[in-house]
N, C-alpha and C. Protein backbone atom coordinates (compact mmCIF):
# COMPACT_ATOMS: atom_id res chain seq x y z
N MET A 1 0.83 -1.19 0.00
CA MET A 1 0.00 0.00 0.00
C MET A 1 0.87 1.26 0.00
N LYS A 2 1.95 1.22 0.79
CA LYS A 2 2.84 2.37 0.86
C LYS A 2 3.47 2.65 -0.51
N GLU A 3 3.83 1.56 -1.22
CA GLU A 3 4.40 1.74 -2.55
C GLU A 3 3.41 2.42 -3.50
N PHE A 4 2.15 2.02 -3.38
CA PHE A 4 1.12 2.62 -4.23
C PHE A 4 0.98 4.11 -3.93
N LEU A 5 0.93 4.46 -2.66
CA LEU A 5 0.81 5.87 -2.27
C LEU A 5 2.03 6.67 -2.71
N ASP A 6 3.21 6.09 -2.57
CA ASP A 6 4.42 6.78 -3.03
C ASP A 6 4.39 6.99 -4.55
N LEU A 7 3.95 5.97 -5.28
CA LEU A 7 3.84 6.09 -6.73
C LEU A 7 2.82 7.16 -7.12
N ALA A 8 1.67 7.15 -6.46
CA ALA A 8 0.63 8.14 -6.75
C ALA A 8 1.13 9.54 -6.43
N LEU A 9 1.80 9.70 -5.31
CA LEU A 9 2.31 11.02 -4.92
C LEU A 9 3.39 11.49 -5.88
N SER A 10 4.28 10.60 -6.28
CA SER A 10 5.33 11.00 -7.22
C SER A 10 4.76 11.30 -8.60
N THR A 11 3.71 10.58 -8.97
CA THR A 11 3.11 10.78 -10.28
C THR A 11 2.22 12.02 -10.32
N PHE A 12 1.40 12.20 -9.29
CA PHE A 12 0.40 13.26 -9.31
C PHE A 12 0.65 14.37 -8.30
N GLY A 13 1.72 14.29 -7.54
CA GLY A 13 1.98 15.25 -6.48
C GLY A 13 2.05 16.69 -6.95
N GLN A 14 2.82 16.93 -7.99
CA GLN A 14 2.95 18.29 -8.50
C GLN A 14 1.61 18.80 -9.04
N GLU A 15 0.89 17.93 -9.73
CA GLU A 15 -0.41 18.31 -10.27
C GLU A 15 -1.38 18.66 -9.15
N ILE A 16 -1.41 17.84 -8.11
CA ILE A 16 -2.30 18.09 -6.98
C ILE A 16 -1.96 19.42 -6.32
N ALA A 17 -0.68 19.71 -6.19
CA ALA A 17 -0.27 20.98 -5.59
C ALA A 17 -0.77 22.17 -6.42
N VAL A 18 -0.67 22.08 -7.73
CA VAL A 18 -1.16 23.17 -8.61
C VAL A 18 -2.67 23.30 -8.50
N LEU A 19 -3.36 22.17 -8.51
CA LEU A 19 -4.82 22.20 -8.40
C LEU A 19 -5.27 22.81 -7.08
N GLN A 20 -4.54 22.51 -6.00
CA GLN A 20 -4.87 23.09 -4.70
C GLN A 20 -4.56 24.58 -4.68
N GLU A 21 -3.43 24.96 -5.26
CA GLU A 21 -3.03 26.37 -5.28
C GLU A 21 -4.09 27.24 -5.95
N TYR A 22 -4.68 26.76 -7.01
CA TYR A 22 -5.69 27.52 -7.76
C TYR A 22 -7.12 27.19 -7.33
N ALA A 23 -7.29 26.37 -6.31
CA ALA A 23 -8.60 25.96 -5.80
C ALA A 23 -9.49 25.45 -6.94
N VAL A 24 -8.91 24.66 -7.81
CA VAL A 24 -9.60 24.21 -9.01
C VAL A 24 -10.87 23.42 -8.68
N PHE A 25 -10.79 22.47 -7.79
CA PHE A 25 -11.95 21.63 -7.50
C PHE A 25 -13.08 22.45 -6.88
N THR A 26 -12.73 23.37 -6.00
CA THR A 26 -13.75 24.23 -5.38
C THR A 26 -14.42 25.09 -6.44
N LYS A 27 -13.64 25.69 -7.32
CA LYS A 27 -14.20 26.54 -8.37
C LYS A 27 -15.08 25.75 -9.32
N LEU A 28 -14.65 24.56 -9.69
CA LEU A 28 -15.46 23.74 -10.59
C LEU A 28 -16.75 23.26 -9.93
N LEU A 29 -16.68 22.98 -8.63
CA LEU A 29 -17.88 22.59 -7.90
C LEU A 29 -18.88 23.74 -7.83
N ILE A 30 -18.39 24.95 -7.57
CA ILE A 30 -19.26 26.13 -7.53
C ILE A 30 -19.84 26.40 -8.92
N ALA A 31 -19.03 26.25 -9.95
CA ALA A 31 -19.53 26.42 -11.32
C ALA A 31 -20.63 25.40 -11.61
N CYS A 32 -20.45 24.18 -11.15
CA CYS A 32 -21.46 23.14 -11.33
C CYS A 32 -22.76 23.54 -10.64
N LEU A 33 -22.66 24.04 -9.43
CA LEU A 33 -23.84 24.47 -8.68
C LEU A 33 -24.55 25.63 -9.38
N CYS A 34 -23.78 26.58 -9.87
CA CYS A 34 -24.36 27.74 -10.57
C CYS A 34 -25.05 27.32 -11.86
N GLY A 35 -24.40 26.47 -12.63
CA GLY A 35 -25.02 25.96 -13.85
C GLY A 35 -26.29 25.18 -13.54
N ALA A 36 -26.29 24.46 -12.43
CA ALA A 36 -27.46 23.68 -12.03
C ALA A 36 -28.63 24.59 -11.65
N MET A 37 -28.33 25.68 -10.95
CA MET A 37 -29.41 26.60 -10.57
C MET A 37 -30.13 27.13 -11.80
N LEU A 38 -29.37 27.57 -12.77
CA LEU A 38 -29.98 28.12 -13.98
C LEU A 38 -30.56 27.02 -14.85
N GLY A 39 -29.91 25.89 -14.88
CA GLY A 39 -30.41 24.77 -15.67
C GLY A 39 -31.72 24.21 -15.14
N LEU A 40 -31.90 24.25 -13.83
CA LEU A 40 -33.16 23.78 -13.26
C LEU A 40 -34.33 24.64 -13.73
N GLU A 41 -34.13 25.93 -13.77
CA GLU A 41 -35.20 26.81 -14.24
C GLU A 41 -35.55 26.48 -15.69
N ARG A 42 -34.53 26.30 -16.52
CA ARG A 42 -34.78 25.96 -17.93
C ARG A 42 -35.46 24.59 -18.04
N GLU A 43 -35.08 23.68 -17.15
CA GLU A 43 -35.68 22.34 -17.13
C GLU A 43 -37.16 22.44 -16.76
N PHE A 44 -37.47 23.19 -15.70
CA PHE A 44 -38.86 23.37 -15.28
C PHE A 44 -39.69 24.07 -16.35
N ALA A 45 -39.06 24.94 -17.12
CA ALA A 45 -39.76 25.64 -18.19
C ALA A 45 -39.92 24.76 -19.44
N GLY A 46 -39.33 23.57 -19.40
CA GLY A 46 -39.46 22.65 -20.53
C GLY A 46 -38.62 23.04 -21.73
N LYS A 47 -37.52 23.70 -21.50
CA LYS A 47 -36.65 24.15 -22.59
C LYS A 47 -35.61 23.10 -22.91
N PRO A 48 -35.11 23.08 -24.16
CA PRO A 48 -34.17 22.02 -24.56
C PRO A 48 -32.81 22.10 -23.87
N ALA A 49 -32.32 23.29 -23.57
CA ALA A 49 -31.03 23.42 -22.88
C ALA A 49 -31.33 23.52 -21.39
N GLY A 50 -31.39 22.37 -20.73
CA GLY A 50 -31.80 22.32 -19.33
C GLY A 50 -30.65 22.13 -18.37
N LEU A 51 -30.88 21.29 -17.39
CA LEU A 51 -29.95 21.10 -16.28
C LEU A 51 -28.56 20.65 -16.75
N ARG A 52 -28.49 19.55 -17.47
CA ARG A 52 -27.18 19.02 -17.86
C ARG A 52 -26.43 19.97 -18.78
N THR A 53 -27.15 20.57 -19.72
CA THR A 53 -26.50 21.49 -20.67
C THR A 53 -25.89 22.68 -19.95
N ASN A 54 -26.66 23.29 -19.05
CA ASN A 54 -26.17 24.47 -18.34
C ASN A 54 -25.02 24.14 -17.39
N ILE A 55 -25.08 22.97 -16.77
CA ILE A 55 -23.95 22.55 -15.92
C ILE A 55 -22.69 22.40 -16.77
N LEU A 56 -22.82 21.70 -17.90
CA LEU A 56 -21.64 21.46 -18.74
C LEU A 56 -21.08 22.78 -19.29
N ILE A 57 -21.94 23.70 -19.66
CA ILE A 57 -21.45 24.98 -20.19
C ILE A 57 -20.74 25.77 -19.11
N CYS A 58 -21.32 25.83 -17.91
CA CYS A 58 -20.71 26.60 -16.83
C CYS A 58 -19.37 25.99 -16.40
N VAL A 59 -19.36 24.69 -16.19
CA VAL A 59 -18.13 24.01 -15.77
C VAL A 59 -17.10 24.04 -16.91
N GLY A 60 -17.55 23.84 -18.14
CA GLY A 60 -16.64 23.86 -19.28
C GLY A 60 -15.98 25.21 -19.46
N SER A 61 -16.74 26.28 -19.35
CA SER A 61 -16.14 27.61 -19.51
C SER A 61 -15.17 27.90 -18.36
N ALA A 62 -15.51 27.44 -17.15
CA ALA A 62 -14.59 27.60 -16.03
C ALA A 62 -13.31 26.80 -16.26
N LEU A 63 -13.46 25.61 -16.77
CA LEU A 63 -12.30 24.75 -17.03
C LEU A 63 -11.39 25.34 -18.10
N PHE A 64 -11.96 25.84 -19.20
CA PHE A 64 -11.15 26.49 -20.23
C PHE A 64 -10.42 27.72 -19.67
N THR A 65 -11.12 28.49 -18.87
CA THR A 65 -10.51 29.70 -18.30
C THR A 65 -9.39 29.33 -17.33
N LEU A 66 -9.64 28.35 -16.48
CA LEU A 66 -8.59 27.89 -15.55
C LEU A 66 -7.39 27.34 -16.31
N ALA A 67 -7.65 26.58 -17.36
CA ALA A 67 -6.55 26.03 -18.16
C ALA A 67 -5.71 27.15 -18.75
N SER A 68 -6.35 28.20 -19.20
CA SER A 68 -5.63 29.33 -19.79
C SER A 68 -4.73 30.02 -18.76
N VAL A 69 -5.31 30.33 -17.62
CA VAL A 69 -4.56 31.05 -16.58
C VAL A 69 -3.44 30.18 -16.01
N ILE A 70 -3.76 28.92 -15.69
CA ILE A 70 -2.76 28.02 -15.09
C ILE A 70 -1.65 27.71 -16.09
N ALA A 71 -2.00 27.47 -17.34
CA ALA A 71 -0.98 27.16 -18.35
C ALA A 71 -0.01 28.31 -18.52
N TRP A 72 -0.51 29.52 -18.53
CA TRP A 72 0.37 30.68 -18.67
C TRP A 72 1.41 30.69 -17.54
N GLN A 73 0.94 30.50 -16.33
CA GLN A 73 1.85 30.55 -15.18
C GLN A 73 2.84 29.39 -15.20
N ILE A 74 2.38 28.20 -15.56
CA ILE A 74 3.26 27.03 -15.56
C ILE A 74 4.32 27.16 -16.65
N PHE A 75 3.92 27.57 -17.85
CA PHE A 75 4.87 27.61 -18.95
C PHE A 75 5.79 28.81 -18.93
N THR A 76 5.34 29.92 -18.37
CA THR A 76 6.20 31.10 -18.35
C THR A 76 6.82 31.35 -16.98
N GLY A 77 6.22 30.79 -15.95
CA GLY A 77 6.71 31.02 -14.60
C GLY A 77 6.37 32.40 -14.07
N ALA A 78 5.51 33.10 -14.76
CA ALA A 78 5.14 34.45 -14.35
C ALA A 78 3.63 34.58 -14.31
N ASN A 79 3.18 35.64 -13.65
CA ASN A 79 1.75 35.93 -13.66
C ASN A 79 1.34 36.28 -15.08
N PRO A 80 0.07 36.00 -15.42
CA PRO A 80 -0.38 36.33 -16.78
C PRO A 80 -0.27 37.83 -17.04
N PRO A 81 -0.05 38.20 -18.30
CA PRO A 81 0.00 39.63 -18.62
C PRO A 81 -1.41 40.24 -18.50
N SER A 82 -1.56 41.48 -18.88
CA SER A 82 -2.84 42.16 -18.72
C SER A 82 -3.95 41.55 -19.58
N ASP A 83 -3.60 40.75 -20.57
CA ASP A 83 -4.63 40.13 -21.42
C ASP A 83 -4.45 38.62 -21.49
N PRO A 84 -4.70 37.93 -20.36
CA PRO A 84 -4.54 36.48 -20.37
C PRO A 84 -5.79 35.76 -20.83
N MET A 85 -6.81 36.49 -21.21
CA MET A 85 -8.11 35.90 -21.42
C MET A 85 -8.44 35.60 -22.89
N ARG A 86 -7.44 35.30 -23.67
CA ARG A 86 -7.71 34.96 -25.07
C ARG A 86 -8.60 33.74 -25.17
N VAL A 87 -8.40 32.79 -24.29
CA VAL A 87 -9.25 31.60 -24.29
C VAL A 87 -10.67 31.99 -23.95
N ALA A 88 -10.84 32.92 -23.02
CA ALA A 88 -12.18 33.37 -22.65
C ALA A 88 -12.90 33.95 -23.86
N ALA A 89 -12.19 34.68 -24.69
CA ALA A 89 -12.81 35.24 -25.89
C ALA A 89 -13.29 34.13 -26.81
N GLN A 90 -12.54 33.06 -26.87
CA GLN A 90 -12.94 31.94 -27.72
C GLN A 90 -14.12 31.18 -27.11
N VAL A 91 -14.20 31.15 -25.78
CA VAL A 91 -15.35 30.54 -25.11
C VAL A 91 -16.61 31.31 -25.50
N VAL A 92 -16.53 32.63 -25.49
CA VAL A 92 -17.68 33.46 -25.87
C VAL A 92 -18.11 33.14 -27.30
N THR A 93 -17.16 33.00 -28.19
CA THR A 93 -17.49 32.68 -29.58
C THR A 93 -18.15 31.31 -29.69
N GLY A 94 -17.58 30.33 -29.03
CA GLY A 94 -18.14 28.97 -29.08
C GLY A 94 -19.53 28.90 -28.47
N VAL A 95 -19.72 29.60 -27.37
CA VAL A 95 -21.02 29.61 -26.72
C VAL A 95 -22.04 30.35 -27.58
N GLY A 96 -21.60 31.37 -28.29
CA GLY A 96 -22.49 32.06 -29.21
C GLY A 96 -23.01 31.10 -30.28
N PHE A 97 -22.14 30.22 -30.73
CA PHE A 97 -22.54 29.21 -31.71
C PHE A 97 -23.60 28.27 -31.12
N LEU A 98 -23.37 27.84 -29.87
CA LEU A 98 -24.36 26.99 -29.20
C LEU A 98 -25.69 27.71 -29.04
N GLY A 99 -25.62 28.97 -28.61
CA GLY A 99 -26.83 29.76 -28.42
C GLY A 99 -27.60 29.95 -29.71
N ALA A 100 -26.89 30.17 -30.79
CA ALA A 100 -27.56 30.34 -32.09
C ALA A 100 -28.34 29.09 -32.47
N GLY A 101 -27.82 27.94 -32.08
CA GLY A 101 -28.52 26.70 -32.37
C GLY A 101 -29.78 26.51 -31.54
N ALA A 102 -29.92 27.28 -30.47
CA ALA A 102 -31.10 27.17 -29.61
C ALA A 102 -32.24 28.07 -30.07
N ILE A 103 -31.98 28.95 -31.03
CA ILE A 103 -33.00 29.90 -31.50
C ILE A 103 -33.68 29.33 -32.73
N PHE A 104 -35.01 29.32 -32.69
CA PHE A 104 -35.80 28.81 -33.79
C PHE A 104 -36.77 29.88 -34.26
N LYS A 105 -36.93 29.98 -35.57
CA LYS A 105 -37.86 30.94 -36.15
C LYS A 105 -38.89 30.19 -36.96
N SER A 106 -40.14 30.48 -36.68
CA SER A 106 -41.21 29.95 -37.50
C SER A 106 -41.93 31.14 -38.12
N GLU A 107 -42.97 30.88 -38.88
CA GLU A 107 -43.69 32.00 -39.51
C GLU A 107 -44.34 32.90 -38.47
N GLU A 108 -44.71 32.31 -37.34
CA GLU A 108 -45.46 33.05 -36.33
C GLU A 108 -44.61 33.65 -35.23
N GLN A 109 -43.51 33.01 -34.89
CA GLN A 109 -42.76 33.48 -33.73
C GLN A 109 -41.30 33.04 -33.76
N ILE A 110 -40.54 33.65 -32.86
CA ILE A 110 -39.14 33.27 -32.65
C ILE A 110 -39.06 32.73 -31.23
N THR A 111 -38.46 31.57 -31.05
CA THR A 111 -38.32 30.98 -29.72
C THR A 111 -36.86 30.66 -29.46
N GLY A 112 -36.54 30.54 -28.20
CA GLY A 112 -35.20 30.12 -27.80
C GLY A 112 -34.25 31.25 -27.46
N ILE A 113 -34.71 32.48 -27.54
CA ILE A 113 -33.80 33.59 -27.27
C ILE A 113 -33.38 33.61 -25.79
N THR A 114 -34.32 33.34 -24.89
CA THR A 114 -33.97 33.31 -23.47
C THR A 114 -33.03 32.14 -23.18
N THR A 115 -33.26 31.02 -23.82
CA THR A 115 -32.36 29.88 -23.64
C THR A 115 -30.96 30.23 -24.15
N ALA A 116 -30.88 30.88 -25.31
CA ALA A 116 -29.58 31.29 -25.85
C ALA A 116 -28.89 32.27 -24.91
N ALA A 117 -29.66 33.22 -24.37
CA ALA A 117 -29.08 34.19 -23.43
C ALA A 117 -28.62 33.51 -22.15
N THR A 118 -29.36 32.50 -21.71
CA THR A 118 -28.97 31.76 -20.51
C THR A 118 -27.67 31.01 -20.74
N ILE A 119 -27.53 30.40 -21.90
CA ILE A 119 -26.29 29.70 -22.25
C ILE A 119 -25.11 30.67 -22.22
N TRP A 120 -25.29 31.82 -22.80
CA TRP A 120 -24.24 32.85 -22.83
C TRP A 120 -23.92 33.32 -21.41
N PHE A 121 -24.95 33.55 -20.62
CA PHE A 121 -24.79 34.01 -19.24
C PHE A 121 -24.06 32.98 -18.39
N VAL A 122 -24.45 31.72 -18.51
CA VAL A 122 -23.85 30.64 -17.72
C VAL A 122 -22.35 30.51 -18.04
N ALA A 123 -21.99 30.70 -19.29
CA ALA A 123 -20.56 30.66 -19.65
C ALA A 123 -19.81 31.80 -18.97
N ALA A 124 -20.41 32.97 -18.92
CA ALA A 124 -19.77 34.11 -18.25
C ALA A 124 -19.61 33.84 -16.76
N VAL A 125 -20.61 33.21 -16.16
CA VAL A 125 -20.53 32.86 -14.74
C VAL A 125 -19.36 31.89 -14.51
N GLY A 126 -19.24 30.89 -15.35
CA GLY A 126 -18.13 29.95 -15.21
C GLY A 126 -16.78 30.64 -15.30
N MET A 127 -16.67 31.61 -16.20
CA MET A 127 -15.39 32.33 -16.34
C MET A 127 -15.10 33.20 -15.13
N ILE A 128 -16.12 33.89 -14.59
CA ILE A 128 -15.89 34.77 -13.44
C ILE A 128 -15.50 33.95 -12.21
N ILE A 129 -16.08 32.77 -12.09
CA ILE A 129 -15.71 31.87 -10.98
C ILE A 129 -14.25 31.43 -11.15
N ALA A 130 -13.88 31.07 -12.36
CA ALA A 130 -12.54 30.54 -12.62
C ALA A 130 -11.44 31.57 -12.37
N ILE A 131 -11.71 32.85 -12.63
CA ILE A 131 -10.66 33.84 -12.43
C ILE A 131 -10.54 34.29 -10.97
N GLY A 132 -11.40 33.73 -10.11
CA GLY A 132 -11.22 33.98 -8.68
C GLY A 132 -12.35 34.70 -7.98
N PHE A 133 -13.54 34.71 -8.57
CA PHE A 133 -14.68 35.37 -7.94
C PHE A 133 -15.86 34.41 -7.80
N PRO A 134 -15.66 33.32 -7.04
CA PRO A 134 -16.74 32.33 -6.93
C PRO A 134 -17.98 32.86 -6.20
N LEU A 135 -17.80 33.71 -5.21
CA LEU A 135 -18.96 34.26 -4.51
C LEU A 135 -19.79 35.13 -5.44
N LEU A 136 -19.13 35.97 -6.21
CA LEU A 136 -19.83 36.81 -7.18
C LEU A 136 -20.59 35.95 -8.19
N GLY A 137 -19.95 34.92 -8.71
CA GLY A 137 -20.60 34.03 -9.66
C GLY A 137 -21.82 33.36 -9.06
N PHE A 138 -21.69 32.92 -7.81
CA PHE A 138 -22.82 32.27 -7.13
C PHE A 138 -23.97 33.25 -6.91
N LEU A 139 -23.67 34.44 -6.42
CA LEU A 139 -24.72 35.42 -6.14
C LEU A 139 -25.42 35.87 -7.42
N ILE A 140 -24.65 36.08 -8.48
CA ILE A 140 -25.25 36.47 -9.76
C ILE A 140 -26.12 35.34 -10.30
N SER A 141 -25.68 34.11 -10.17
CA SER A 141 -26.47 32.96 -10.62
C SER A 141 -27.76 32.84 -9.83
N LEU A 142 -27.66 33.03 -8.53
CA LEU A 142 -28.84 32.97 -7.67
C LEU A 142 -29.86 34.03 -8.08
N ALA A 143 -29.37 35.25 -8.30
CA ALA A 143 -30.26 36.34 -8.73
C ALA A 143 -30.88 36.05 -10.10
N ALA A 144 -30.08 35.56 -11.03
CA ALA A 144 -30.59 35.28 -12.37
C ALA A 144 -31.61 34.15 -12.35
N ALA A 145 -31.33 33.10 -11.58
CA ALA A 145 -32.28 31.98 -11.50
C ALA A 145 -33.59 32.48 -10.89
N GLY A 146 -33.49 33.28 -9.86
CA GLY A 146 -34.70 33.84 -9.25
C GLY A 146 -35.48 34.69 -10.24
N LEU A 147 -34.78 35.52 -10.99
CA LEU A 147 -35.45 36.35 -11.99
C LEU A 147 -36.11 35.50 -13.07
N LEU A 148 -35.42 34.48 -13.54
CA LEU A 148 -36.00 33.62 -14.57
C LEU A 148 -37.26 32.92 -14.06
N PHE A 149 -37.21 32.41 -12.82
CA PHE A 149 -38.37 31.75 -12.24
C PHE A 149 -39.54 32.73 -12.09
N VAL A 150 -39.28 33.86 -11.47
CA VAL A 150 -40.34 34.83 -11.18
C VAL A 150 -40.88 35.47 -12.46
N LEU A 151 -39.99 35.98 -13.29
CA LEU A 151 -40.44 36.66 -14.50
C LEU A 151 -41.14 35.71 -15.47
N GLY A 152 -40.73 34.47 -15.50
CA GLY A 152 -41.40 33.49 -16.36
C GLY A 152 -42.85 33.31 -15.96
N ARG A 153 -43.11 33.25 -14.67
CA ARG A 153 -44.48 33.10 -14.21
C ARG A 153 -45.30 34.37 -14.42
N ILE A 154 -44.67 35.52 -14.20
CA ILE A 154 -45.36 36.80 -14.43
C ILE A 154 -45.71 36.94 -15.91
N GLU A 155 -44.79 36.62 -16.80
CA GLU A 155 -45.06 36.71 -18.24
C GLU A 155 -46.25 35.85 -18.64
N LYS A 156 -46.34 34.65 -18.09
CA LYS A 156 -47.44 33.75 -18.45
C LYS A 156 -48.79 34.30 -17.97
N LYS A 157 -48.78 35.00 -16.84
CA LYS A 157 -50.03 35.57 -16.33
C LYS A 157 -50.41 36.86 -17.05
N VAL A 158 -49.43 37.70 -17.31
CA VAL A 158 -49.69 39.00 -17.92
C VAL A 158 -49.86 38.88 -19.43
N PHE A 159 -49.05 38.06 -20.05
CA PHE A 159 -49.09 37.90 -21.50
C PHE A 159 -49.37 36.44 -21.86
N PRO A 160 -50.58 35.97 -21.62
CA PRO A 160 -50.85 34.56 -21.94
C PRO A 160 -50.75 34.32 -23.45
N SER A 161 -50.36 33.11 -23.80
CA SER A 161 -50.25 32.75 -25.22
C SER A 161 -51.64 32.76 -25.85
N PRO A 162 -51.77 33.35 -27.04
CA PRO A 162 -53.08 33.31 -27.69
C PRO A 162 -53.43 31.89 -28.09
N PRO A 163 -54.70 31.56 -28.08
CA PRO A 163 -55.08 30.18 -28.49
C PRO A 163 -54.74 29.95 -29.95
N ARG A 164 -54.30 28.78 -30.25
CA ARG A 164 -53.97 28.44 -31.64
C ARG A 164 -55.25 28.10 -32.40
N LEU A 165 -55.36 28.68 -33.54
CA LEU A 165 -56.51 28.41 -34.39
C LEU A 165 -56.20 27.24 -35.29
N GLU A 166 -57.10 26.30 -35.30
CA GLU A 166 -56.94 25.15 -36.17
C GLU A 166 -57.45 25.52 -37.56
N PRO A 167 -56.78 25.12 -38.61
CA PRO A 167 -57.27 25.41 -39.96
C PRO A 167 -58.58 24.66 -40.22
N PRO A 168 -59.49 25.28 -40.98
CA PRO A 168 -60.76 24.59 -41.28
C PRO A 168 -60.51 23.35 -42.13
N GLU A 169 -61.32 22.36 -41.91
CA GLU A 169 -61.16 21.11 -42.66
C GLU A 169 -61.93 21.12 -43.94
């Protein structure tokens, strides 16, 4: 058993130290929680990008951001320069692509815009958590989830969907 622990420590010791230094697991766990809060609302609303999608987007954007910041420090041995967020810019582009796929247009209406905005928002939350503001990310997610829940119900009461007319036979 001691040999196994020594092997694991020699193999993963440096990696574990880096992960602890950047609080990677804590940040990813908080990103998961934030994505889940927003994903639950989308799930309850019956939208296609629900719980799992929002968790993956939030955690994924946090992971890409952490990889960018940590890689810079490991490979250069210095703190990132004033613009270390090139990966973050690419996350925004990729998430925009995902969001565009959530928007549907029919002759009568456009749907999916709130889902697309939620996807974009969740990615931003993951990035803010990853750069070292997990409390801010959590509080913003809590507020956004609350707004989505409350405003969704208000919209349904104030602006009910008109009844669909069936074509005559």
